[in-house]
Amino acid sequence: MFDFGLPGYRPQWLSGIADISSAHAGGLRTLVGRTLTSSWLVWDLEDDAWFADCPVVLDFDGPQVQIHHRKLDDLSITWDGVDVRAPVSWPGTDPEFRLAWRDDAVPALTALRGRTVTGVEFLEWLGPDAAGGMVAVSFILGDRRITVHNALDENGLAFGLPEPSYRVHRL
């Protein structure tokens, strides 16, 4: 199994709201009332840019969740399986391709640190395109939110209210 250059990482890919909700709604609900203490992204050091092909790691004062999208609708949600202190080594690449974990790379994400989770939602994409059925994960933190969504075979981040093409499934 491809570990995305992250020792010990074992993604578990699911598609569709029913399968994802059945597998993960209960665990994600336990985050309500917890504080977001850190958020980690893999950073391309050469380009000084987010390498969105690796999971987004969110730590909620203990429980750590990894959210990862691929293809048009695959989603992996795993728990406590990534050591952000370990080096990232993308397999089979040029040694000049240097990646590292960063917890301060996206100011809008860093600004959410210390906020309490007041709700969690699955957002099911109903748009008229090939991504129909894609499921995003959204954490409501008081009057703010972070959504990790599929950005066409990689992760994307959004910080506002969901687009109208999403069906909201509150957990």
Protein backbone atom coordinates (compact mmCIF):
# COMPACT_ATOMS: atom_id res chain seq x y z
CA MET A 1 0.00 0.00 0.00
CA PHE A 2 1.31 3.45 -0.93
CA ASP A 3 2.05 5.44 2.24
CA PHE A 4 2.54 8.88 0.59
CA GLY A 5 6.03 9.10 2.05
CA LEU A 6 4.62 9.05 5.60
CA PRO A 7 5.92 6.14 7.69
CA GLY A 8 3.03 4.22 9.24
CA TYR A 9 0.31 6.00 7.26
CA ARG A 10 -2.35 3.58 6.00
CA PRO A 11 -5.16 5.38 4.17
CA GLN A 12 -8.54 3.66 4.03
CA TRP A 13 -10.37 4.86 0.92
CA LEU A 14 -14.15 5.09 0.83
CA SER A 15 -16.61 6.73 -1.56
CA GLY A 16 -20.19 7.88 -1.12
CA ILE A 17 -21.99 9.48 1.78
CA ALA A 18 -23.50 6.23 3.10
CA ASP A 19 -20.20 4.34 3.42
CA ILE A 20 -18.25 7.33 4.73
CA SER A 21 -20.93 8.24 7.25
CA SER A 22 -21.27 4.66 8.46
CA ALA A 23 -17.53 4.37 9.01
CA HIS A 24 -16.71 7.81 10.41
CA ALA A 25 -19.70 9.82 11.69
CA GLY A 26 -19.42 8.40 15.22
CA GLY A 27 -15.72 9.13 15.56
CA LEU A 28 -16.00 12.64 14.16
CA ARG A 29 -18.92 13.44 16.51
CA THR A 30 -16.59 12.80 19.46
CA LEU A 31 -14.61 15.88 18.43
CA VAL A 32 -17.46 18.24 19.35
CA GLY A 33 -16.38 20.13 22.46
CA ARG A 34 -12.67 19.54 21.76
CA THR A 35 -10.17 22.26 20.91
CA LEU A 36 -8.21 22.43 17.66
CA THR A 37 -4.63 22.56 18.95
CA SER A 38 -2.67 22.15 15.72
CA SER A 39 -3.06 21.62 12.01
CA TRP A 40 -0.40 20.16 9.76
CA LEU A 41 0.15 20.25 6.00
CA VAL A 42 2.98 18.78 3.94
CA TRP A 43 4.96 21.61 2.39
CA ASP A 44 7.06 21.59 -0.79
CA LEU A 45 10.21 23.35 0.40
CA GLU A 46 11.55 24.11 -3.09
CA ASP A 47 8.33 25.74 -4.37
CA ASP A 48 7.31 27.10 -0.95
CA ALA A 49 3.82 25.72 -1.52
CA TRP A 50 1.37 23.30 0.03
CA PHE A 51 1.79 19.77 -1.34
CA ALA A 52 -1.90 18.88 -1.31
CA ASP A 53 -1.39 15.22 -2.29
CA CYS A 54 -0.73 14.29 1.35
CA PRO A 55 -3.31 14.22 4.17
CA VAL A 56 -4.42 17.24 6.16
CA VAL A 57 -3.69 16.47 9.81
CA LEU A 58 -5.79 18.12 12.52
CA ASP A 59 -5.09 17.63 16.23
CA PHE A 60 -7.93 18.17 18.67
CA ASP A 61 -6.08 18.26 22.00
CA GLY A 62 -5.22 14.59 21.75
CA PRO A 63 -7.18 12.87 18.99
CA GLN A 64 -5.52 13.43 15.64
CA VAL A 65 -7.53 13.00 12.44
CA GLN A 66 -6.04 12.69 8.97
CA ILE A 67 -8.29 13.69 6.06
CA HIS A 68 -7.21 12.83 2.56
CA HIS A 69 -8.88 13.02 -0.86
CA ARG A 70 -7.82 11.40 -4.13
CA LYS A 71 -9.31 10.77 -7.57
CA LEU A 72 -12.74 12.42 -7.89
CA ASP A 73 -14.52 10.99 -4.87
CA ASP A 74 -12.22 8.84 -2.71
CA LEU A 75 -11.89 9.95 0.90
CA SER A 76 -9.72 8.50 3.65
CA ILE A 77 -10.27 9.45 7.27
CA THR A 78 -7.78 7.90 9.68
CA TRP A 79 -6.90 8.49 13.30
CA ASP A 80 -3.62 8.99 15.15
CA GLY A 81 -1.56 7.31 12.41
CA VAL A 82 0.82 10.07 11.32
CA ASP A 83 3.87 11.31 13.19
CA VAL A 84 4.29 14.91 12.02
CA ARG A 85 7.78 14.96 13.57
CA ALA A 86 8.96 12.24 11.15
CA PRO A 87 10.48 13.25 7.82
CA VAL A 88 8.39 13.07 4.66
CA SER A 89 10.05 11.09 1.88
CA TRP A 90 7.96 10.91 -1.29
CA PRO A 91 8.91 7.55 -2.86
CA GLY A 92 10.86 7.44 -6.11
CA THR A 93 11.46 11.16 -6.48
CA ASP A 94 14.41 13.37 -7.21
CA PRO A 95 16.39 14.21 -4.05
CA GLU A 96 15.72 17.88 -4.81
CA PHE A 97 12.00 17.25 -4.15
CA ARG A 98 12.00 18.10 -0.45
CA LEU A 99 8.87 17.91 1.66
CA ALA A 100 8.27 18.72 5.32
CA TRP A 101 5.36 19.09 7.75
CA ARG A 102 4.34 22.66 8.60
CA ASP A 103 1.82 23.85 11.16
CA ASP A 104 1.95 27.53 10.27
CA ALA A 105 1.77 27.53 6.48
CA VAL A 106 -1.79 28.73 5.89
CA PRO A 107 -2.69 31.75 8.05
CA ALA A 108 -6.47 31.13 7.87
CA LEU A 109 -5.92 27.60 9.20
CA THR A 110 -3.46 28.68 11.87
CA ALA A 111 -5.95 31.32 13.04
CA LEU A 112 -8.40 28.56 14.03
CA ARG A 113 -6.02 27.14 16.64
CA GLY A 114 -7.50 27.30 20.13
CA ARG A 115 -11.12 27.27 18.89
CA THR A 116 -13.60 24.68 20.10
CA VAL A 117 -15.44 22.37 17.70
CA THR A 118 -19.17 23.11 17.93
CA GLY A 119 -20.23 20.89 15.03
CA VAL A 120 -19.02 18.55 12.31
CA GLU A 121 -20.64 18.07 8.90
CA PHE A 122 -20.21 15.93 5.84
CA LEU A 123 -20.78 17.99 2.72
CA GLU A 124 -21.96 15.94 -0.26
CA TRP A 125 -21.27 17.56 -3.63
CA LEU A 126 -24.37 17.60 -5.85
CA GLY A 127 -22.92 19.69 -8.67
CA PRO A 128 -23.49 18.73 -12.31
CA ASP A 129 -19.87 17.68 -12.87
CA ALA A 130 -17.79 14.51 -12.59
CA ALA A 131 -17.20 15.12 -8.86
CA GLY A 132 -20.87 14.48 -8.03
CA GLY A 133 -21.11 12.53 -4.78
CA MET A 134 -17.74 13.70 -3.44
CA VAL A 135 -17.80 14.10 0.34
CA ALA A 136 -15.98 16.90 2.16
CA VAL A 137 -15.46 17.13 5.93
CA SER A 138 -16.31 20.42 7.62
CA PHE A 139 -15.53 21.42 11.21
CA ILE A 140 -17.52 24.27 12.71
CA LEU A 141 -15.51 26.21 15.27
CA GLY A 142 -17.94 28.73 16.75
CA ASP A 143 -18.48 31.37 14.07
CA ARG A 144 -15.72 29.98 11.80
CA ARG A 145 -15.16 26.75 9.91
CA ILE A 146 -12.59 24.68 8.06
CA THR A 147 -13.64 22.34 5.27
CA VAL A 148 -11.28 19.78 3.77
CA HIS A 149 -12.61 18.96 0.29
CA ASN A 150 -11.59 17.23 -2.91
CA ALA A 151 -9.77 19.61 -5.25
CA LEU A 152 -9.60 17.18 -8.18
CA ASP A 153 -7.33 14.37 -6.98
CA GLU A 154 -5.88 16.29 -4.06
CA ASN A 155 -7.00 18.09 -0.92
CA GLY A 156 -8.42 21.58 -0.84
CA LEU A 157 -9.25 23.88 2.06
CA ALA A 158 -12.21 26.24 2.39
CA PHE A 159 -13.00 28.56 5.29
CA GLY A 160 -16.48 29.95 4.63
CA LEU A 161 -19.99 28.61 4.41
CA PRO A 162 -20.50 25.66 2.05
CA GLU A 163 -21.34 26.36 -1.58
CA PRO A 164 -25.01 25.87 -2.51
CA SER A 165 -24.11 22.74 -4.53
CA TYR A 166 -23.39 20.85 -1.29
CA ARG A 167 -25.96 18.84 0.64
CA VAL A 168 -25.14 19.28 4.34
CA HIS A 169 -25.18 16.21 6.60
CA ARG A 170 -24.79 17.41 10.19
CA LEU A 171 -23.23 14.76 12.42
